[in-house]
Full PDB file with SEQRES, HELIX, SHEET, SSBOND, CRYST1, ORIGX, SCALE, CONECT and MASTER records, all heavy atoms in Angstrom:
SEQRES   1 A   39  GLY SER LEU ARG LEU SER CYS VAL VAL SER GLY LEU PRO          
SEQRES   2 A   39  TYR GLY SER TYR CYS MET ALA TRP PHE ARG GLN VAL PRO          
SEQRES   3 A   39  GLY LYS GLU ARG GLU GLY VAL ALA LEU ILE LEU THR VAL          
SHEET    1 AA1 2 CYS A  18  ARG A  23  0                                        
SHEET    2 AA1 2 GLU A  31  LEU A  37 -1                                        
CRYST1    1.000    1.000    1.000  90.00  90.00  90.00 P 1           1          
ORIGX1      1.000000  0.000000  0.000000        0.00000                         
ORIGX2      0.000000  1.000000  0.000000        0.00000                         
ORIGX3      0.000000  0.000000  1.000000        0.00000                         
SCALE1      1.000000  0.000000  0.000000        0.00000                         
SCALE2      0.000000  1.000000  0.000000        0.00000                         
SCALE3      0.000000  0.000000  1.000000        0.00000                         
ATOM      1  N   GLY A   1      -2.478 136.276  30.099  1.00  0.00           N  
ATOM      2  CA  GLY A   1      -2.829 135.667  31.362  1.00  0.00           C  
ATOM      3  C   GLY A   1      -3.546 134.343  31.212  1.00  0.00           C  
ATOM      4  O   GLY A   1      -3.705 133.818  30.109  1.00  0.00           O  
ATOM      5  N   SER A   2      -4.009 133.807  32.352  1.00  0.00           N  
ATOM      6  CA  SER A   2      -4.642 132.490  32.383  1.00  0.00           C  
ATOM      7  C   SER A   2      -5.932 132.522  33.185  1.00  0.00           C  
ATOM      8  O   SER A   2      -6.108 133.350  34.088  1.00  0.00           O  
ATOM      9  CB  SER A   2      -3.700 131.451  33.002  1.00  0.00           C  
ATOM     10  OG  SER A   2      -2.505 131.324  32.261  1.00  0.00           O  
ATOM     11  N   LEU A   3      -6.829 131.606  32.863  1.00  0.00           N  
ATOM     12  CA  LEU A   3      -8.054 131.384  33.606  1.00  0.00           C  
ATOM     13  C   LEU A   3      -8.359 129.895  33.624  1.00  0.00           C  
ATOM     14  O   LEU A   3      -7.986 129.170  32.692  1.00  0.00           O  
ATOM     15  CB  LEU A   3      -9.243 132.111  32.977  1.00  0.00           C  
ATOM     16  CG  LEU A   3      -9.409 133.607  33.203  1.00  0.00           C  
ATOM     17  CD1 LEU A   3     -10.578 134.121  32.363  1.00  0.00           C  
ATOM     18  CD2 LEU A   3      -9.637 133.916  34.677  1.00  0.00           C  
ATOM     19  N   ARG A   4      -9.053 129.449  34.669  1.00  0.00           N  
ATOM     20  CA  ARG A   4      -9.568 128.089  34.711  1.00  0.00           C  
ATOM     21  C   ARG A   4     -11.075 128.137  34.885  1.00  0.00           C  
ATOM     22  O   ARG A   4     -11.578 128.674  35.875  1.00  0.00           O  
ATOM     23  CB  ARG A   4      -8.953 127.270  35.844  1.00  0.00           C  
ATOM     24  CG  ARG A   4      -9.396 125.800  35.783  1.00  0.00           C  
ATOM     25  CD  ARG A   4      -8.759 124.933  36.843  1.00  0.00           C  
ATOM     26  NE  ARG A   4      -9.388 125.100  38.145  1.00  0.00           N  
ATOM     27  CZ  ARG A   4      -9.274 124.236  39.148  1.00  0.00           C  
ATOM     28  NH1 ARG A   4      -8.540 123.133  38.992  1.00  0.00           N  
ATOM     29  NH2 ARG A   4      -9.868 124.477  40.301  1.00  0.00           N  
ATOM     30  N   LEU A   5     -11.787 127.579  33.926  1.00  0.00           N  
ATOM     31  CA  LEU A   5     -13.225 127.478  33.993  1.00  0.00           C  
ATOM     32  C   LEU A   5     -13.624 126.127  34.577  1.00  0.00           C  
ATOM     33  O   LEU A   5     -12.949 125.125  34.347  1.00  0.00           O  
ATOM     34  CB  LEU A   5     -13.853 127.621  32.604  1.00  0.00           C  
ATOM     35  CG  LEU A   5     -13.476 128.868  31.806  1.00  0.00           C  
ATOM     36  CD1 LEU A   5     -14.237 128.890  30.487  1.00  0.00           C  
ATOM     37  CD2 LEU A   5     -13.737 130.131  32.603  1.00  0.00           C  
ATOM     38  N   SER A   6     -14.727 126.098  35.318  1.00  0.00           N  
ATOM     39  CA  SER A   6     -15.247 124.871  35.891  1.00  0.00           C  
ATOM     40  C   SER A   6     -16.706 124.705  35.505  1.00  0.00           C  
ATOM     41  O   SER A   6     -17.418 125.687  35.274  1.00  0.00           O  
ATOM     42  CB  SER A   6     -15.132 124.877  37.419  1.00  0.00           C  
ATOM     43  OG  SER A   6     -13.786 124.996  37.829  1.00  0.00           O  
ATOM     44  N   CYS A   7     -17.157 123.465  35.460  1.00  0.00           N  
ATOM     45  CA  CYS A   7     -18.540 123.162  35.113  1.00  0.00           C  
ATOM     46  C   CYS A   7     -18.977 121.931  35.893  1.00  0.00           C  
ATOM     47  O   CYS A   7     -18.352 120.874  35.781  1.00  0.00           O  
ATOM     48  CB  CYS A   7     -18.671 122.918  33.613  1.00  0.00           C  
ATOM     49  SG  CYS A   7     -20.294 122.299  33.091  1.00  0.00           S  
ATOM     50  N   VAL A   8     -20.053 122.068  36.656  1.00  0.00           N  
ATOM     51  CA  VAL A   8     -20.606 120.967  37.432  1.00  0.00           C  
ATOM     52  C   VAL A   8     -21.934 120.550  36.820  1.00  0.00           C  
ATOM     53  O   VAL A   8     -22.806 121.391  36.585  1.00  0.00           O  
ATOM     54  CB  VAL A   8     -20.800 121.356  38.904  1.00  0.00           C  
ATOM     55  CG1 VAL A   8     -21.428 120.196  39.679  1.00  0.00           C  
ATOM     56  CG2 VAL A   8     -19.474 121.757  39.525  1.00  0.00           C  
ATOM     57  N   VAL A   9     -22.082 119.265  36.581  1.00  0.00           N  
ATOM     58  CA  VAL A   9     -23.310 118.706  36.019  1.00  0.00           C  
ATOM     59  C   VAL A   9     -23.929 117.758  37.032  1.00  0.00           C  
ATOM     60  O   VAL A   9     -23.250 116.887  37.576  1.00  0.00           O  
ATOM     61  CB  VAL A   9     -23.046 117.971  34.699  1.00  0.00           C  
ATOM     62  CG1 VAL A   9     -24.351 117.397  34.143  1.00  0.00           C  
ATOM     63  CG2 VAL A   9     -22.400 118.902  33.689  1.00  0.00           C  
ATOM     64  N   SER A  10     -25.224 117.914  37.277  1.00  0.00           N  
ATOM     65  CA  SER A  10     -25.920 117.065  38.226  1.00  0.00           C  
ATOM     66  C   SER A  10     -27.343 116.817  37.755  1.00  0.00           C  
ATOM     67  O   SER A  10     -27.835 117.479  36.845  1.00  0.00           O  
ATOM     68  CB  SER A  10     -25.935 117.697  39.619  1.00  0.00           C  
ATOM     69  OG  SER A  10     -26.646 118.923  39.602  1.00  0.00           O  
ATOM     70  N   GLY A  11     -28.007 115.848  38.381  1.00  0.00           N  
ATOM     71  CA  GLY A  11     -29.418 115.630  38.126  1.00  0.00           C  
ATOM     72  C   GLY A  11     -29.793 114.329  37.453  1.00  0.00           C  
ATOM     73  O   GLY A  11     -30.982 114.035  37.327  1.00  0.00           O  
ATOM     74  N   LEU A  12     -28.812 113.546  37.001  1.00  0.00           N  
ATOM     75  CA  LEU A  12     -29.083 112.245  36.421  1.00  0.00           C  
ATOM     76  C   LEU A  12     -28.452 111.164  37.286  1.00  0.00           C  
ATOM     77  O   LEU A  12     -27.428 111.398  37.918  1.00  0.00           O  
ATOM     78  CB  LEU A  12     -28.565 112.133  34.992  1.00  0.00           C  
ATOM     79  CG  LEU A  12     -29.296 112.933  33.911  1.00  0.00           C  
ATOM     80  CD1 LEU A  12     -28.648 112.692  32.550  1.00  0.00           C  
ATOM     81  CD2 LEU A  12     -30.768 112.571  33.861  1.00  0.00           C  
ATOM     82  N   PRO A  13     -29.053 109.959  37.291  1.00  0.00           N  
ATOM     83  CA  PRO A  13     -28.509 108.880  38.131  1.00  0.00           C  
ATOM     84  C   PRO A  13     -27.261 108.223  37.562  1.00  0.00           C  
ATOM     85  O   PRO A  13     -26.731 107.302  38.188  1.00  0.00           O  
ATOM     86  CB  PRO A  13     -29.682 107.892  38.209  1.00  0.00           C  
ATOM     87  CG  PRO A  13     -30.422 108.095  36.930  1.00  0.00           C  
ATOM     88  CD  PRO A  13     -30.313 109.571  36.649  1.00  0.00           C  
ATOM     89  N   TYR A  14     -26.800 108.653  36.415  1.00  0.00           N  
ATOM     90  CA  TYR A  14     -25.591 108.103  35.820  1.00  0.00           C  
ATOM     91  C   TYR A  14     -24.780 109.231  35.212  1.00  0.00           C  
ATOM     92  O   TYR A  14     -25.284 110.325  34.990  1.00  0.00           O  
ATOM     93  CB  TYR A  14     -25.912 107.037  34.771  1.00  0.00           C  
ATOM     94  CG  TYR A  14     -26.905 107.479  33.719  1.00  0.00           C  
ATOM     95  CD1 TYR A  14     -26.480 108.073  32.540  1.00  0.00           C  
ATOM     96  CD2 TYR A  14     -28.270 107.295  33.907  1.00  0.00           C  
ATOM     97  CE1 TYR A  14     -27.379 108.480  31.581  1.00  0.00           C  
ATOM     98  CE2 TYR A  14     -29.181 107.703  32.954  1.00  0.00           C  
ATOM     99  CZ  TYR A  14     -28.723 108.288  31.786  1.00  0.00           C  
ATOM    100  OH  TYR A  14     -29.627 108.692  30.827  1.00  0.00           O  
ATOM    101  N   GLY A  15     -23.510 108.951  34.912  1.00  0.00           N  
ATOM    102  CA  GLY A  15     -22.619 109.982  34.432  1.00  0.00           C  
ATOM    103  C   GLY A  15     -22.774 110.277  32.950  1.00  0.00           C  
ATOM    104  O   GLY A  15     -23.387 109.523  32.205  1.00  0.00           O  
ATOM    105  N   SER A  16     -22.201 111.387  32.534  1.00  0.00           N  
ATOM    106  CA  SER A  16     -22.234 111.772  31.128  1.00  0.00           C  
ATOM    107  C   SER A  16     -21.343 110.865  30.289  1.00  0.00           C  
ATOM    108  O   SER A  16     -20.358 110.314  30.786  1.00  0.00           O  
ATOM    109  CB  SER A  16     -21.784 113.219  30.966  1.00  0.00           C  
ATOM    110  OG  SER A  16     -20.438 113.367  31.394  1.00  0.00           O  
ATOM    111  N   TYR A  17     -21.700 110.728  29.024  1.00  0.00           N  
ATOM    112  CA  TYR A  17     -20.839 110.021  28.091  1.00  0.00           C  
ATOM    113  C   TYR A  17     -19.696 110.937  27.642  1.00  0.00           C  
ATOM    114  O   TYR A  17     -18.565 110.485  27.460  1.00  0.00           O  
ATOM    115  CB  TYR A  17     -21.640 109.558  26.878  1.00  0.00           C  
ATOM    116  CG  TYR A  17     -20.860 108.678  25.933  1.00  0.00           C  
ATOM    117  CD1 TYR A  17     -20.867 107.299  26.092  1.00  0.00           C  
ATOM    118  CD2 TYR A  17     -20.122 109.224  24.891  1.00  0.00           C  
ATOM    119  CE1 TYR A  17     -20.162 106.483  25.240  1.00  0.00           C  
ATOM    120  CE2 TYR A  17     -19.407 108.412  24.029  1.00  0.00           C  
ATOM    121  CZ  TYR A  17     -19.433 107.038  24.206  1.00  0.00           C  
ATOM    122  OH  TYR A  17     -18.726 106.228  23.354  1.00  0.00           O  
ATOM    123  N   CYS A  18     -20.011 112.224  27.481  1.00  0.00           N  
ATOM    124  CA  CYS A  18     -19.005 113.191  27.089  1.00  0.00           C  
ATOM    125  C   CYS A  18     -19.392 114.562  27.621  1.00  0.00           C  
ATOM    126  O   CYS A  18     -20.552 114.822  27.914  1.00  0.00           O  
ATOM    127  CB  CYS A  18     -18.854 113.249  25.567  1.00  0.00           C  
ATOM    128  SG  CYS A  18     -20.366 113.705  24.675  1.00  0.00           S  
ATOM    129  N   MET A  19     -18.391 115.430  27.726  1.00  0.00           N  
ATOM    130  CA  MET A  19     -18.617 116.822  28.078  1.00  0.00           C  
ATOM    131  C   MET A  19     -17.743 117.691  27.186  1.00  0.00           C  
ATOM    132  O   MET A  19     -16.717 117.232  26.677  1.00  0.00           O  
ATOM    133  CB  MET A  19     -18.313 117.086  29.554  1.00  0.00           C  
ATOM    134  CG  MET A  19     -19.229 116.329  30.505  1.00  0.00           C  
ATOM    135  SD  MET A  19     -18.919 116.693  32.252  1.00  0.00           S  
ATOM    136  CE  MET A  19     -19.518 118.392  32.351  1.00  0.00           C  
ATOM    137  N   ALA A  20     -18.147 118.942  27.013  1.00  0.00           N  
ATOM    138  CA  ALA A  20     -17.450 119.796  26.057  1.00  0.00           C  
ATOM    139  C   ALA A  20     -17.571 121.263  26.437  1.00  0.00           C  
ATOM    140  O   ALA A  20     -18.465 121.668  27.182  1.00  0.00           O  
ATOM    141  CB  ALA A  20     -18.005 119.579  24.649  1.00  0.00           C  
ATOM    142  N   TRP A  21     -16.653 122.054  25.892  1.00  0.00           N  
ATOM    143  CA  TRP A  21     -16.703 123.508  25.967  1.00  0.00           C  
ATOM    144  C   TRP A  21     -16.895 124.079  24.575  1.00  0.00           C  
ATOM    145  O   TRP A  21     -16.238 123.648  23.620  1.00  0.00           O  
ATOM    146  CB  TRP A  21     -15.416 124.087  26.560  1.00  0.00           C  
ATOM    147  CG  TRP A  21     -15.221 123.799  28.014  1.00  0.00           C  
ATOM    148  CD1 TRP A  21     -14.450 122.820  28.563  1.00  0.00           C  
ATOM    149  CD2 TRP A  21     -15.806 124.513  29.110  1.00  0.00           C  
ATOM    150  NE1 TRP A  21     -14.512 122.873  29.930  1.00  0.00           N  
ATOM    151  CE2 TRP A  21     -15.344 123.912  30.298  1.00  0.00           C  
ATOM    152  CE3 TRP A  21     -16.668 125.607  29.206  1.00  0.00           C  
ATOM    153  CZ2 TRP A  21     -15.719 124.361  31.560  1.00  0.00           C  
ATOM    154  CZ3 TRP A  21     -17.040 126.047  30.462  1.00  0.00           C  
ATOM    155  CH2 TRP A  21     -16.566 125.427  31.613  1.00  0.00           C  
ATOM    156  N   PHE A  22     -17.787 125.051  24.473  1.00  0.00           N  
ATOM    157  CA  PHE A  22     -17.997 125.833  23.272  1.00  0.00           C  
ATOM    158  C   PHE A  22     -17.846 127.305  23.635  1.00  0.00           C  
ATOM    159  O   PHE A  22     -17.895 127.675  24.804  1.00  0.00           O  
ATOM    160  CB  PHE A  22     -19.387 125.578  22.684  1.00  0.00           C  
ATOM    161  CG  PHE A  22     -19.616 124.167  22.216  1.00  0.00           C  
ATOM    162  CD1 PHE A  22     -19.956 123.169  23.116  1.00  0.00           C  
ATOM    163  CD2 PHE A  22     -19.497 123.839  20.874  1.00  0.00           C  
ATOM    164  CE1 PHE A  22     -20.175 121.866  22.697  1.00  0.00           C  
ATOM    165  CE2 PHE A  22     -19.711 122.542  20.431  1.00  0.00           C  
ATOM    166  CZ  PHE A  22     -20.049 121.557  21.350  1.00  0.00           C  
ATOM    167  N   ARG A  23     -17.684 128.152  22.623  1.00  0.00           N  
ATOM    168  CA  ARG A  23     -17.642 129.584  22.888  1.00  0.00           C  
ATOM    169  C   ARG A  23     -18.314 130.346  21.758  1.00  0.00           C  
ATOM    170  O   ARG A  23     -18.408 129.867  20.638  1.00  0.00           O  
ATOM    171  CB  ARG A  23     -16.211 130.082  23.093  1.00  0.00           C  
ATOM    172  CG  ARG A  23     -15.331 130.073  21.851  1.00  0.00           C  
ATOM    173  CD  ARG A  23     -13.912 130.505  22.218  1.00  0.00           C  
ATOM    174  NE  ARG A  23     -13.074 130.670  21.042  1.00  0.00           N  
ATOM    175  CZ  ARG A  23     -11.788 130.998  21.087  1.00  0.00           C  
ATOM    176  NH1 ARG A  23     -11.186 131.195  22.265  1.00  0.00           N  
ATOM    177  NH2 ARG A  23     -11.101 131.134  19.963  1.00  0.00           N  
ATOM    178  N   GLN A  24     -18.771 131.563  22.085  1.00  0.00           N  
ATOM    179  CA  GLN A  24     -19.493 132.359  21.110  1.00  0.00           C  
ATOM    180  C   GLN A  24     -19.339 133.840  21.415  1.00  0.00           C  
ATOM    181  O   GLN A  24     -19.371 134.252  22.569  1.00  0.00           O  
ATOM    182  CB  GLN A  24     -20.978 131.987  21.116  1.00  0.00           C  
ATOM    183  CG  GLN A  24     -21.794 132.624  20.001  1.00  0.00           C  
ATOM    184  CD  GLN A  24     -23.193 132.051  19.924  1.00  0.00           C  
ATOM    185  OE1 GLN A  24     -23.727 131.551  20.921  1.00  0.00           O  
ATOM    186  NE2 GLN A  24     -23.800 132.124  18.756  1.00  0.00           N  
ATOM    187  N   VAL A  25     -19.164 134.634  20.367  1.00  0.00           N  
ATOM    188  CA  VAL A  25     -19.175 136.084  20.476  1.00  0.00           C  
ATOM    189  C   VAL A  25     -20.389 136.603  19.726  1.00  0.00           C  
ATOM    190  O   VAL A  25     -20.888 135.953  18.804  1.00  0.00           O  
ATOM    191  CB  VAL A  25     -17.881 136.717  19.922  1.00  0.00           C  
ATOM    192  CG1 VAL A  25     -16.675 136.206  20.693  1.00  0.00           C  
ATOM    193  CG2 VAL A  25     -17.715 136.412  18.440  1.00  0.00           C  
ATOM    194  N   PRO A  26     -20.904 137.788  20.092  1.00  0.00           N  
ATOM    195  CA  PRO A  26     -22.083 138.313  19.407  1.00  0.00           C  
ATOM    196  C   PRO A  26     -21.875 138.424  17.905  1.00  0.00           C  
ATOM    197  O   PRO A  26     -20.834 138.902  17.441  1.00  0.00           O  
ATOM    198  CB  PRO A  26     -22.264 139.692  20.046  1.00  0.00           C  
ATOM    199  CG  PRO A  26     -21.665 139.547  21.404  1.00  0.00           C  
ATOM    200  CD  PRO A  26     -20.488 138.642  21.204  1.00  0.00           C  
ATOM    201  N   GLY A  27     -22.860 137.958  17.146  1.00  0.00           N  
ATOM    202  CA  GLY A  27     -22.793 138.032  15.700  1.00  0.00           C  
ATOM    203  C   GLY A  27     -21.991 136.938  15.037  1.00  0.00           C  
ATOM    204  O   GLY A  27     -21.882 136.921  13.807  1.00  0.00           O  
ATOM    205  N   LYS A  28     -21.423 136.029  15.823  1.00  0.00           N  
ATOM    206  CA  LYS A  28     -20.624 134.944  15.280  1.00  0.00           C  
ATOM    207  C   LYS A  28     -21.257 133.596  15.612  1.00  0.00           C  
ATOM    208  O   LYS A  28     -22.046 133.471  16.542  1.00  0.00           O  
ATOM    209  CB  LYS A  28     -19.203 134.979  15.835  1.00  0.00           C  
ATOM    210  CG  LYS A  28     -18.451 136.271  15.568  1.00  0.00           C  
ATOM    211  CD  LYS A  28     -18.132 136.433  14.095  1.00  0.00           C  
ATOM    212  CE  LYS A  28     -17.276 137.668  13.860  1.00  0.00           C  
ATOM    213  NZ  LYS A  28     -16.952 137.847  12.419  1.00  0.00           N  
ATOM    214  N   GLU A  29     -20.895 132.586  14.840  1.00  0.00           N  
ATOM    215  CA  GLU A  29     -21.358 131.236  15.108  1.00  0.00           C  
ATOM    216  C   GLU A  29     -20.690 130.682  16.361  1.00  0.00           C  
ATOM    217  O   GLU A  29     -19.521 130.959  16.634  1.00  0.00           O  
ATOM    218  CB  GLU A  29     -21.048 130.323  13.923  1.00  0.00           C  
ATOM    219  CG  GLU A  29     -21.795 130.660  12.649  1.00  0.00           C  
ATOM    220  CD  GLU A  29     -23.253 130.278  12.721  1.00  0.00           C  
ATOM    221  OE1 GLU A  29     -23.574 129.280  13.406  1.00  0.00           O  
ATOM    222  OE2 GLU A  29     -24.074 130.971  12.106  1.00  0.00           O  
ATOM    223  N   ARG A  30     -21.436 129.900  17.129  1.00  0.00           N  
ATOM    224  CA  ARG A  30     -20.847 129.193  18.245  1.00  0.00           C  
ATOM    225  C   ARG A  30     -19.855 128.164  17.719  1.00  0.00           C  
ATOM    226  O   ARG A  30     -20.123 127.485  16.722  1.00  0.00           O  
ATOM    227  CB  ARG A  30     -21.930 128.509  19.077  1.00  0.00           C  
ATOM    228  CG  ARG A  30     -21.426 127.909  20.377  1.00  0.00           C  
ATOM    229  CD  ARG A  30     -22.566 127.415  21.260  1.00  0.00           C  
ATOM    230  NE  ARG A  30     -23.452 128.516  21.652  1.00  0.00           N  
ATOM    231  CZ  ARG A  30     -24.449 128.387  22.513  1.00  0.00           C  
ATOM    232  NH1 ARG A  30     -24.694 127.205  23.083  1.00  0.00           N  
ATOM    233  NH2 ARG A  30     -25.207 129.424  22.805  1.00  0.00           N  
ATOM    234  N   GLU A  31     -18.705 128.051  18.382  1.00  0.00           N  
ATOM    235  CA  GLU A  31     -17.669 127.152  17.916  1.00  0.00           C  
ATOM    236  C   GLU A  31     -17.215 126.216  19.026  1.00  0.00           C  
ATOM    237  O   GLU A  31     -17.228 126.559  20.204  1.00  0.00           O  
ATOM    238  CB  GLU A  31     -16.467 127.932  17.374  1.00  0.00           C  
ATOM    239  CG  GLU A  31     -15.776 128.805  18.404  1.00  0.00           C  
ATOM    240  CD  GLU A  31     -14.609 129.579  17.831  1.00  0.00           C  
ATOM    241  OE1 GLU A  31     -14.374 129.511  16.608  1.00  0.00           O  
ATOM    242  OE2 GLU A  31     -13.909 130.265  18.608  1.00  0.00           O  
ATOM    243  N   GLY A  32     -16.806 125.027  18.626  1.00  0.00           N  
ATOM    244  CA  GLY A  32     -16.293 124.062  19.571  1.00  0.00           C  
ATOM    245  C   GLY A  32     -14.894 124.423  20.029  1.00  0.00           C  
ATOM    246  O   GLY A  32     -14.059 124.852  19.233  1.00  0.00           O  
ATOM    247  N   VAL A  33     -14.634 124.249  21.313  1.00  0.00           N  
ATOM    248  CA  VAL A  33     -13.325 124.503  21.903  1.00  0.00           C  
ATOM    249  C   VAL A  33     -12.604 123.187  22.181  1.00  0.00           C  
ATOM    250  O   VAL A  33     -11.483 122.965  21.729  1.00  0.00           O  
ATOM    251  CB  VAL A  33     -13.447 125.335  23.187  1.00  0.00           C  
ATOM    252  CG1 VAL A  33     -12.099 125.452  23.893  1.00  0.00           C  
ATOM    253  CG2 VAL A  33     -14.015 126.711  22.872  1.00  0.00           C  
ATOM    254  N   ALA A  34     -13.249 122.310  22.948  1.00  0.00           N  
ATOM    255  CA  ALA A  34     -12.647 121.032  23.312  1.00  0.00           C  
ATOM    256  C   ALA A  34     -13.716 120.110  23.858  1.00  0.00           C  
ATOM    257  O   ALA A  34     -14.747 120.572  24.351  1.00  0.00           O  
ATOM    258  CB  ALA A  34     -11.538 121.216  24.353  1.00  0.00           C  
ATOM    259  N   LEU A  35     -13.470 118.808  23.802  1.00  0.00           N  
ATOM    260  CA  LEU A  35     -14.367 117.842  24.409  1.00  0.00           C  
ATOM    261  C   LEU A  35     -13.572 116.699  25.004  1.00  0.00           C  
ATOM    262  O   LEU A  35     -12.406 116.478  24.652  1.00  0.00           O  
ATOM    263  CB  LEU A  35     -15.408 117.325  23.399  1.00  0.00           C  
ATOM    264  CG  LEU A  35     -14.957 116.452  22.225  1.00  0.00           C  
ATOM    265  CD1 LEU A  35     -14.843 114.982  22.628  1.00  0.00           C  
ATOM    266  CD2 LEU A  35     -15.943 116.580  21.062  1.00  0.00           C  
ATOM    267  N   ILE A  36     -14.218 115.975  25.916  1.00  0.00           N  
ATOM    268  CA  ILE A  36     -13.573 114.842  26.570  1.00  0.00           C  
ATOM    269  C   ILE A  36     -14.599 113.736  26.760  1.00  0.00           C  
ATOM    270  O   ILE A  36     -15.749 113.985  27.118  1.00  0.00           O  
ATOM    271  CB  ILE A  36     -12.935 115.263  27.917  1.00  0.00           C  
ATOM    272  CG1 ILE A  36     -12.143 114.116  28.534  1.00  0.00           C  
ATOM    273  CG2 ILE A  36     -13.985 115.803  28.877  1.00  0.00           C  
ATOM    274  CD1 ILE A  36     -11.256 114.554  29.695  1.00  0.00           C  
ATOM    275  N   LEU A  37     -14.177 112.507  26.517  1.00  0.00           N  
ATOM    276  CA  LEU A  37     -15.012 111.337  26.737  1.00  0.00           C  
ATOM    277  C   LEU A  37     -14.820 110.829  28.159  1.00  0.00           C  
ATOM    278  O   LEU A  37     -13.705 110.817  28.681  1.00  0.00           O  
ATOM    279  CB  LEU A  37     -14.671 110.226  25.753  1.00  0.00           C  
ATOM    280  CG  LEU A  37     -14.721 110.581  24.265  1.00  0.00           C  
ATOM    281  CD1 LEU A  37     -14.439 109.345  23.421  1.00  0.00           C  
ATOM    282  CD2 LEU A  37     -16.063 111.188  23.896  1.00  0.00           C  
ATOM    283  N   THR A  38     -15.905 110.396  28.791  1.00  0.00           N  
ATOM    284  CA  THR A  38     -15.834 109.909  30.157  1.00  0.00           C  
ATOM    285  C   THR A  38     -15.020 108.624  30.252  1.00  0.00           C  
ATOM    286  O   THR A  38     -14.152 108.486  31.109  1.00  0.00           O  
ATOM    287  CB  THR A  38     -17.238 109.698  30.730  1.00  0.00           C  
ATOM    288  OG1 THR A  38     -17.930 110.947  30.746  1.00  0.00           O  
ATOM    289  CG2 THR A  38     -17.173 109.133  32.142  1.00  0.00           C  
ATOM    290  N   VAL A  39     -15.310 107.671  29.373  1.00  0.00           N  
ATOM    291  CA  VAL A  39     -14.586 106.409  29.359  1.00  0.00           C  
ATOM    292  C   VAL A  39     -13.316 106.574  28.537  1.00  0.00           C  
ATOM    293  O   VAL A  39     -13.370 106.878  27.346  1.00  0.00           O  
ATOM    294  CB  VAL A  39     -15.455 105.274  28.793  1.00  0.00           C  
ATOM    295  CG1 VAL A  39     -14.642 103.985  28.716  1.00  0.00           C  
ATOM    296  CG2 VAL A  39     -16.698 105.082  29.649  1.00  0.00           C  
TER     297      VAL A  39                                                      
MASTER        0    0    0    0    2    0    0    6  296    1    0    3          
END                                                                             
């Protein structure tokens, strides 16, 4: 199957330089999934 995750960032007067998704399971290291640059 499929899922779409969303993430809203607020609180600064300017935008992020980059945003990313990570994931982690118990007992395992957190790992990078994907990232995107704003510009």
